N, C-alpha and C. Protein backbone atom coordinates (compact mmCIF):
# COMPACT_ATOMS: atom_id res chain seq x y z
N UNK A 1 33.67 -87.11 -83.86
CA UNK A 1 33.67 -85.96 -84.88
C UNK A 1 34.93 -85.82 -85.63
N UNK A 2 34.98 -85.43 -86.77
CA UNK A 2 36.13 -85.29 -87.61
C UNK A 2 36.94 -84.21 -87.09
N UNK A 3 38.26 -84.49 -86.85
CA UNK A 3 39.11 -83.59 -86.29
C UNK A 3 39.37 -82.33 -87.18
N UNK A 4 39.42 -82.55 -88.46
CA UNK A 4 39.56 -81.43 -89.30
C UNK A 4 38.38 -80.49 -89.32
N UNK A 5 37.36 -81.03 -89.25
CA UNK A 5 36.04 -80.26 -89.17
C UNK A 5 36.06 -79.43 -87.78
N UNK A 6 36.43 -80.10 -86.75
CA UNK A 6 36.25 -79.60 -85.41
C UNK A 6 37.34 -78.33 -85.51
N UNK A 7 38.60 -78.59 -86.03
CA UNK A 7 39.49 -77.58 -86.07
C UNK A 7 39.00 -76.34 -86.87
N UNK A 8 38.27 -76.58 -88.07
CA UNK A 8 37.68 -75.44 -88.66
C UNK A 8 36.60 -74.80 -87.79
N UNK A 9 35.86 -75.41 -87.21
CA UNK A 9 34.84 -74.79 -86.19
C UNK A 9 35.52 -74.10 -85.16
N UNK A 10 36.64 -74.56 -84.64
CA UNK A 10 37.39 -73.83 -83.57
C UNK A 10 38.02 -72.63 -83.98
N UNK A 11 38.65 -72.74 -85.20
CA UNK A 11 39.25 -71.56 -85.74
C UNK A 11 38.26 -70.45 -86.23
N UNK A 12 37.13 -70.84 -86.71
CA UNK A 12 36.13 -69.92 -87.17
C UNK A 12 35.43 -69.26 -85.75
N UNK A 13 35.28 -69.98 -84.76
CA UNK A 13 34.58 -69.35 -83.59
C UNK A 13 35.79 -68.46 -83.02
N UNK A 14 36.91 -68.88 -82.85
CA UNK A 14 37.98 -68.04 -82.36
C UNK A 14 38.05 -66.83 -83.13
N UNK A 15 38.07 -66.80 -84.47
CA UNK A 15 38.15 -65.59 -85.23
C UNK A 15 37.10 -64.69 -85.06
N UNK A 16 35.89 -65.27 -85.00
CA UNK A 16 34.74 -64.31 -84.52
C UNK A 16 34.82 -63.56 -83.36
N UNK A 17 35.26 -64.26 -82.24
CA UNK A 17 35.44 -63.76 -81.06
C UNK A 17 36.57 -62.68 -80.96
N UNK A 18 37.53 -62.92 -81.66
CA UNK A 18 38.83 -61.93 -81.59
C UNK A 18 38.31 -60.87 -82.38
N UNK A 19 37.70 -60.92 -83.53
CA UNK A 19 37.35 -59.70 -84.31
C UNK A 19 36.26 -58.84 -83.46
N UNK A 20 35.25 -59.50 -83.07
CA UNK A 20 34.23 -58.73 -82.35
C UNK A 20 34.73 -58.24 -80.97
N UNK A 21 35.61 -58.98 -80.32
CA UNK A 21 36.28 -58.44 -79.06
C UNK A 21 37.11 -57.28 -79.25
N UNK A 22 38.00 -57.36 -80.36
CA UNK A 22 38.88 -56.29 -80.64
C UNK A 22 38.06 -54.97 -81.23
N UNK A 23 36.93 -55.25 -81.77
CA UNK A 23 36.18 -54.12 -82.28
C UNK A 23 35.69 -53.40 -81.10
N UNK A 24 35.53 -53.93 -79.85
CA UNK A 24 35.10 -53.06 -78.71
C UNK A 24 36.22 -52.12 -78.31
N UNK A 25 37.31 -52.31 -78.71
CA UNK A 25 38.47 -51.32 -78.32
C UNK A 25 38.78 -50.34 -79.56
N UNK A 26 38.76 -51.00 -80.70
CA UNK A 26 39.46 -50.23 -81.83
C UNK A 26 38.29 -49.75 -82.90
N UNK A 27 37.11 -50.13 -82.68
CA UNK A 27 35.82 -49.63 -83.45
C UNK A 27 36.10 -49.66 -85.00
N UNK A 28 36.54 -50.77 -85.63
CA UNK A 28 36.77 -50.79 -86.96
C UNK A 28 35.59 -51.30 -87.72
N UNK A 29 34.76 -51.89 -87.10
CA UNK A 29 33.41 -52.42 -87.69
C UNK A 29 32.28 -51.24 -87.31
N UNK A 30 31.41 -50.98 -88.35
CA UNK A 30 30.29 -49.96 -87.96
C UNK A 30 29.32 -50.49 -87.03
N UNK A 31 28.97 -49.70 -86.24
CA UNK A 31 27.94 -50.08 -85.15
C UNK A 31 26.60 -49.96 -85.78
N UNK A 32 25.64 -50.62 -85.78
CA UNK A 32 24.26 -50.45 -86.31
C UNK A 32 23.63 -49.41 -85.36
N UNK A 33 22.75 -48.64 -86.08
CA UNK A 33 22.04 -47.69 -85.20
C UNK A 33 20.89 -48.35 -84.55
N UNK A 34 20.93 -48.04 -83.15
CA UNK A 34 19.92 -48.78 -82.21
C UNK A 34 19.11 -47.66 -81.63
N UNK A 35 17.91 -47.95 -81.32
CA UNK A 35 17.06 -46.98 -80.54
C UNK A 35 16.28 -47.70 -79.52
N UNK A 36 15.85 -47.13 -78.59
CA UNK A 36 15.06 -47.74 -77.56
C UNK A 36 15.81 -48.70 -76.48
N UNK A 37 15.30 -49.64 -76.07
CA UNK A 37 15.82 -50.69 -75.17
C UNK A 37 17.26 -51.17 -75.50
N UNK A 38 17.51 -51.55 -76.75
CA UNK A 38 18.85 -52.18 -77.23
C UNK A 38 20.00 -51.03 -76.96
N UNK A 39 19.57 -49.83 -77.41
CA UNK A 39 20.51 -48.57 -77.20
C UNK A 39 20.76 -48.25 -75.75
N UNK A 40 19.65 -48.38 -74.99
CA UNK A 40 19.84 -48.13 -73.58
C UNK A 40 20.68 -49.21 -72.79
N UNK A 41 20.60 -50.48 -73.38
CA UNK A 41 21.30 -51.52 -72.69
C UNK A 41 22.80 -51.35 -73.00
N UNK A 42 23.04 -51.13 -74.33
CA UNK A 42 24.51 -51.00 -74.81
C UNK A 42 25.12 -49.79 -74.14
N UNK A 43 24.26 -48.60 -74.08
CA UNK A 43 24.77 -47.40 -73.51
C UNK A 43 25.17 -47.75 -72.02
N UNK A 44 24.35 -48.51 -71.25
CA UNK A 44 24.57 -48.87 -69.96
C UNK A 44 25.94 -49.54 -69.78
N UNK A 45 26.07 -50.55 -70.60
CA UNK A 45 27.35 -51.38 -70.71
C UNK A 45 28.47 -50.50 -70.99
N UNK A 46 28.47 -49.56 -71.80
CA UNK A 46 29.46 -48.59 -72.17
C UNK A 46 29.80 -47.61 -71.11
N UNK A 47 28.73 -47.09 -70.60
CA UNK A 47 28.85 -46.12 -69.51
C UNK A 47 29.39 -46.56 -68.04
N UNK A 48 29.21 -47.80 -68.08
CA UNK A 48 29.64 -48.51 -66.77
C UNK A 48 31.15 -48.11 -66.57
N UNK A 49 31.82 -48.09 -67.75
CA UNK A 49 33.32 -47.84 -67.62
C UNK A 49 34.11 -49.16 -67.61
N UNK A 50 33.64 -50.21 -67.20
CA UNK A 50 34.47 -51.37 -67.14
C UNK A 50 33.76 -52.61 -67.84
N UNK A 51 32.33 -52.61 -68.01
CA UNK A 51 31.77 -53.83 -68.56
C UNK A 51 32.05 -54.12 -69.95
N UNK A 52 31.98 -53.08 -70.79
CA UNK A 52 32.43 -53.26 -72.35
C UNK A 52 33.78 -53.73 -72.46
N UNK A 53 34.62 -53.13 -71.81
CA UNK A 53 36.15 -53.57 -71.98
C UNK A 53 36.29 -55.16 -71.46
N UNK A 54 35.56 -55.34 -70.32
CA UNK A 54 35.61 -56.61 -69.67
C UNK A 54 35.30 -57.75 -70.68
N UNK A 55 34.03 -57.39 -71.28
CA UNK A 55 33.45 -58.23 -72.32
C UNK A 55 34.48 -58.46 -73.50
N UNK A 56 35.08 -57.41 -74.01
CA UNK A 56 36.01 -57.31 -75.11
C UNK A 56 37.17 -58.23 -74.76
N UNK A 57 37.83 -57.99 -73.65
CA UNK A 57 39.01 -58.73 -73.18
C UNK A 57 38.66 -60.34 -73.16
N UNK A 58 37.44 -60.58 -72.59
CA UNK A 58 36.94 -62.00 -72.46
C UNK A 58 36.90 -62.69 -73.81
N UNK A 59 36.24 -61.95 -74.79
CA UNK A 59 35.95 -62.36 -76.13
C UNK A 59 37.39 -62.64 -76.80
N UNK A 60 38.31 -61.63 -76.70
CA UNK A 60 39.59 -61.88 -77.22
C UNK A 60 40.41 -62.93 -76.67
N UNK A 61 40.37 -63.05 -75.28
CA UNK A 61 41.29 -64.23 -74.71
C UNK A 61 40.59 -65.44 -75.12
N UNK A 62 39.38 -65.72 -74.95
CA UNK A 62 38.65 -67.05 -75.34
C UNK A 62 38.97 -67.15 -76.85
N UNK A 63 38.95 -66.35 -77.77
CA UNK A 63 39.13 -66.49 -79.13
C UNK A 63 40.48 -66.87 -79.47
N UNK A 64 41.49 -66.21 -78.72
CA UNK A 64 42.94 -66.65 -78.89
C UNK A 64 43.19 -67.96 -78.44
N UNK A 65 42.62 -68.32 -77.27
CA UNK A 65 42.77 -69.62 -76.73
C UNK A 65 42.26 -70.67 -77.70
N UNK A 66 41.16 -70.43 -78.31
CA UNK A 66 40.63 -71.39 -79.41
C UNK A 66 41.62 -71.56 -80.55
N UNK A 67 42.02 -70.36 -81.06
CA UNK A 67 42.89 -70.29 -82.14
C UNK A 67 44.22 -71.11 -82.01
N UNK A 68 44.89 -70.90 -80.80
CA UNK A 68 46.16 -71.65 -80.46
C UNK A 68 45.85 -73.00 -79.94
N UNK A 69 44.70 -73.36 -79.72
CA UNK A 69 44.27 -74.67 -79.23
C UNK A 69 44.82 -74.94 -77.85
N UNK A 70 44.95 -74.01 -76.97
CA UNK A 70 45.35 -74.23 -75.58
C UNK A 70 44.12 -73.88 -74.67
N UNK A 71 44.05 -74.65 -73.58
CA UNK A 71 42.85 -74.51 -72.65
C UNK A 71 41.68 -74.34 -73.30
N UNK A 72 41.27 -75.18 -74.21
CA UNK A 72 40.10 -75.04 -75.05
C UNK A 72 38.80 -75.29 -74.05
N UNK A 73 39.00 -76.08 -73.16
CA UNK A 73 37.85 -76.30 -72.08
C UNK A 73 37.51 -74.96 -71.45
N UNK A 74 38.49 -74.23 -70.93
CA UNK A 74 38.10 -72.93 -70.44
C UNK A 74 37.62 -71.95 -71.42
N UNK A 75 38.24 -71.85 -72.62
CA UNK A 75 37.70 -71.03 -73.63
C UNK A 75 36.26 -71.40 -73.99
N UNK A 76 35.99 -72.46 -74.06
CA UNK A 76 34.55 -72.88 -74.48
C UNK A 76 33.54 -72.54 -73.32
N UNK A 77 34.09 -72.69 -72.09
CA UNK A 77 33.11 -72.29 -71.03
C UNK A 77 32.93 -70.61 -71.03
N UNK A 78 33.95 -70.08 -71.26
CA UNK A 78 33.89 -68.53 -71.41
C UNK A 78 33.00 -68.22 -72.63
N UNK A 79 33.26 -68.96 -73.64
CA UNK A 79 32.41 -68.63 -74.89
C UNK A 79 30.82 -68.91 -74.72
N UNK A 80 30.67 -69.95 -73.81
CA UNK A 80 29.27 -70.39 -73.58
C UNK A 80 28.46 -69.28 -72.84
N UNK A 81 29.22 -68.59 -71.94
CA UNK A 81 28.68 -67.48 -71.20
C UNK A 81 28.35 -66.32 -72.15
N UNK A 82 29.43 -65.98 -73.04
CA UNK A 82 29.17 -64.94 -73.99
C UNK A 82 28.10 -65.21 -75.00
N UNK A 83 28.10 -66.45 -75.41
CA UNK A 83 27.19 -66.75 -76.55
C UNK A 83 25.63 -66.86 -75.90
N UNK A 84 25.55 -67.26 -74.69
CA UNK A 84 24.29 -67.22 -73.96
C UNK A 84 23.74 -65.79 -73.96
N UNK A 85 24.58 -64.83 -73.66
CA UNK A 85 24.18 -63.47 -73.43
C UNK A 85 23.94 -62.86 -74.87
N UNK A 86 24.65 -63.12 -75.87
CA UNK A 86 24.42 -62.65 -77.21
C UNK A 86 23.10 -63.22 -77.68
N UNK A 87 22.90 -64.39 -77.57
CA UNK A 87 21.51 -64.98 -77.95
C UNK A 87 20.38 -64.29 -77.07
N UNK A 88 20.38 -64.19 -75.84
CA UNK A 88 19.47 -63.56 -75.15
C UNK A 88 19.17 -61.98 -75.46
N UNK A 89 20.41 -61.30 -75.79
CA UNK A 89 20.31 -59.82 -76.21
C UNK A 89 19.46 -59.94 -77.47
N UNK A 90 19.78 -60.61 -78.36
CA UNK A 90 19.19 -60.65 -79.80
C UNK A 90 17.63 -61.10 -79.72
N UNK A 91 17.33 -62.09 -78.93
CA UNK A 91 16.07 -62.70 -78.65
C UNK A 91 15.02 -61.67 -78.13
N UNK A 92 15.68 -60.99 -77.05
CA UNK A 92 14.78 -60.15 -76.28
C UNK A 92 14.71 -58.69 -76.81
N UNK A 93 15.92 -58.09 -77.14
CA UNK A 93 16.05 -56.70 -77.52
C UNK A 93 16.27 -56.33 -79.08
N UNK A 94 16.99 -57.18 -79.80
CA UNK A 94 17.51 -56.88 -81.07
C UNK A 94 17.30 -58.03 -81.99
N UNK A 95 16.16 -58.55 -82.42
CA UNK A 95 16.05 -59.82 -83.13
C UNK A 95 16.72 -59.86 -84.57
N UNK A 96 16.97 -58.55 -85.02
CA UNK A 96 17.60 -58.53 -86.36
C UNK A 96 19.05 -59.30 -86.48
N UNK A 97 19.61 -59.28 -85.39
CA UNK A 97 21.07 -59.77 -85.40
C UNK A 97 21.23 -61.28 -84.94
N UNK A 98 20.12 -62.01 -84.92
CA UNK A 98 19.97 -63.27 -84.33
C UNK A 98 20.72 -64.30 -85.17
N UNK A 99 20.98 -64.13 -86.40
CA UNK A 99 21.70 -65.06 -87.14
C UNK A 99 23.21 -65.25 -86.74
N UNK A 100 24.03 -64.23 -86.59
CA UNK A 100 25.32 -64.42 -86.20
C UNK A 100 25.37 -64.97 -84.77
N UNK A 101 24.43 -64.52 -84.04
CA UNK A 101 24.30 -65.04 -82.64
C UNK A 101 24.20 -66.43 -82.58
N UNK A 102 23.19 -67.00 -83.41
CA UNK A 102 22.88 -68.36 -83.55
C UNK A 102 24.30 -69.20 -84.11
N UNK A 103 24.86 -68.62 -85.04
CA UNK A 103 26.08 -69.32 -85.51
C UNK A 103 27.05 -69.39 -84.45
N UNK A 104 27.36 -68.39 -83.63
CA UNK A 104 28.31 -68.48 -82.37
C UNK A 104 27.83 -69.43 -81.38
N UNK A 105 26.60 -69.54 -81.09
CA UNK A 105 26.11 -70.54 -80.14
C UNK A 105 26.20 -71.90 -80.66
N UNK A 106 25.80 -72.08 -81.90
CA UNK A 106 25.80 -73.51 -82.54
C UNK A 106 27.38 -73.98 -82.57
N UNK A 107 28.21 -73.10 -83.04
CA UNK A 107 29.69 -73.56 -83.04
C UNK A 107 30.11 -73.84 -81.51
N UNK A 108 29.71 -73.11 -80.62
CA UNK A 108 30.08 -73.39 -79.29
C UNK A 108 29.50 -74.81 -78.75
N UNK A 109 28.19 -74.96 -79.23
CA UNK A 109 27.66 -76.28 -78.72
C UNK A 109 28.26 -77.55 -79.36
N UNK A 110 28.58 -77.30 -80.74
CA UNK A 110 29.42 -78.39 -81.36
C UNK A 110 30.67 -78.59 -80.83
N UNK A 111 31.40 -77.51 -80.48
CA UNK A 111 32.77 -77.70 -79.96
C UNK A 111 32.86 -78.32 -78.63
N UNK A 112 31.72 -77.87 -77.75
CA UNK A 112 31.64 -78.44 -76.31
C UNK A 112 31.34 -79.92 -76.44
N UNK A 113 30.48 -80.29 -77.46
CA UNK A 113 30.21 -81.72 -77.63
C UNK A 113 31.48 -82.53 -78.14
N UNK A 114 32.25 -81.96 -79.00
CA UNK A 114 33.39 -82.59 -79.46
C UNK A 114 34.49 -82.71 -78.31
N UNK A 115 34.56 -81.78 -77.39
CA UNK A 115 35.40 -81.88 -76.40
C UNK A 115 34.75 -82.25 -74.93
N UNK A 116 33.72 -83.05 -75.06
CA UNK A 116 32.98 -83.38 -73.84
C UNK A 116 33.77 -83.98 -72.75
N UNK A 117 34.81 -84.70 -73.21
CA UNK A 117 35.58 -85.47 -72.09
C UNK A 117 36.22 -84.38 -71.19
N UNK A 118 36.54 -83.11 -71.57
CA UNK A 118 37.03 -82.12 -70.73
C UNK A 118 36.12 -81.66 -69.68
N UNK A 119 34.71 -81.84 -69.84
CA UNK A 119 33.77 -81.26 -69.13
C UNK A 119 33.04 -82.36 -68.27
N UNK A 120 33.41 -83.63 -68.48
CA UNK A 120 32.81 -84.64 -67.55
C UNK A 120 32.77 -84.40 -66.15
N UNK A 121 33.89 -83.98 -65.73
CA UNK A 121 34.10 -83.69 -64.23
C UNK A 121 33.24 -82.51 -63.71
N UNK A 122 32.78 -81.61 -64.54
CA UNK A 122 31.83 -80.51 -64.16
C UNK A 122 30.39 -81.10 -63.91
N UNK A 123 30.13 -82.15 -64.67
CA UNK A 123 28.77 -82.52 -64.53
C UNK A 123 28.74 -83.92 -63.99
């Protein structure tokens, strides 16, 4: 795969993760109004006291690792866990936001494929 294209995908995914992870702490992006099960789920994450900050820190750390191109294998594994949960949340609870979730998952899959040699020992 073209290394410049891979770099663009890596930076894009890193920026998405950093922005949305930092938003969990600084609340600079407006939260869409939710009702029913999606609101209950998000409320449970926030009210746990640790889960929402843990998700935010994980997103920021994985995003920064992708941006600075260090430990990309670890960053992509963390991002795979995050993107799987984002996809499932939107498929099951809030289908309206599936587009950005799909972008994150697709970028993650492309980058894992481009860095497959780092994952061979896991499989």
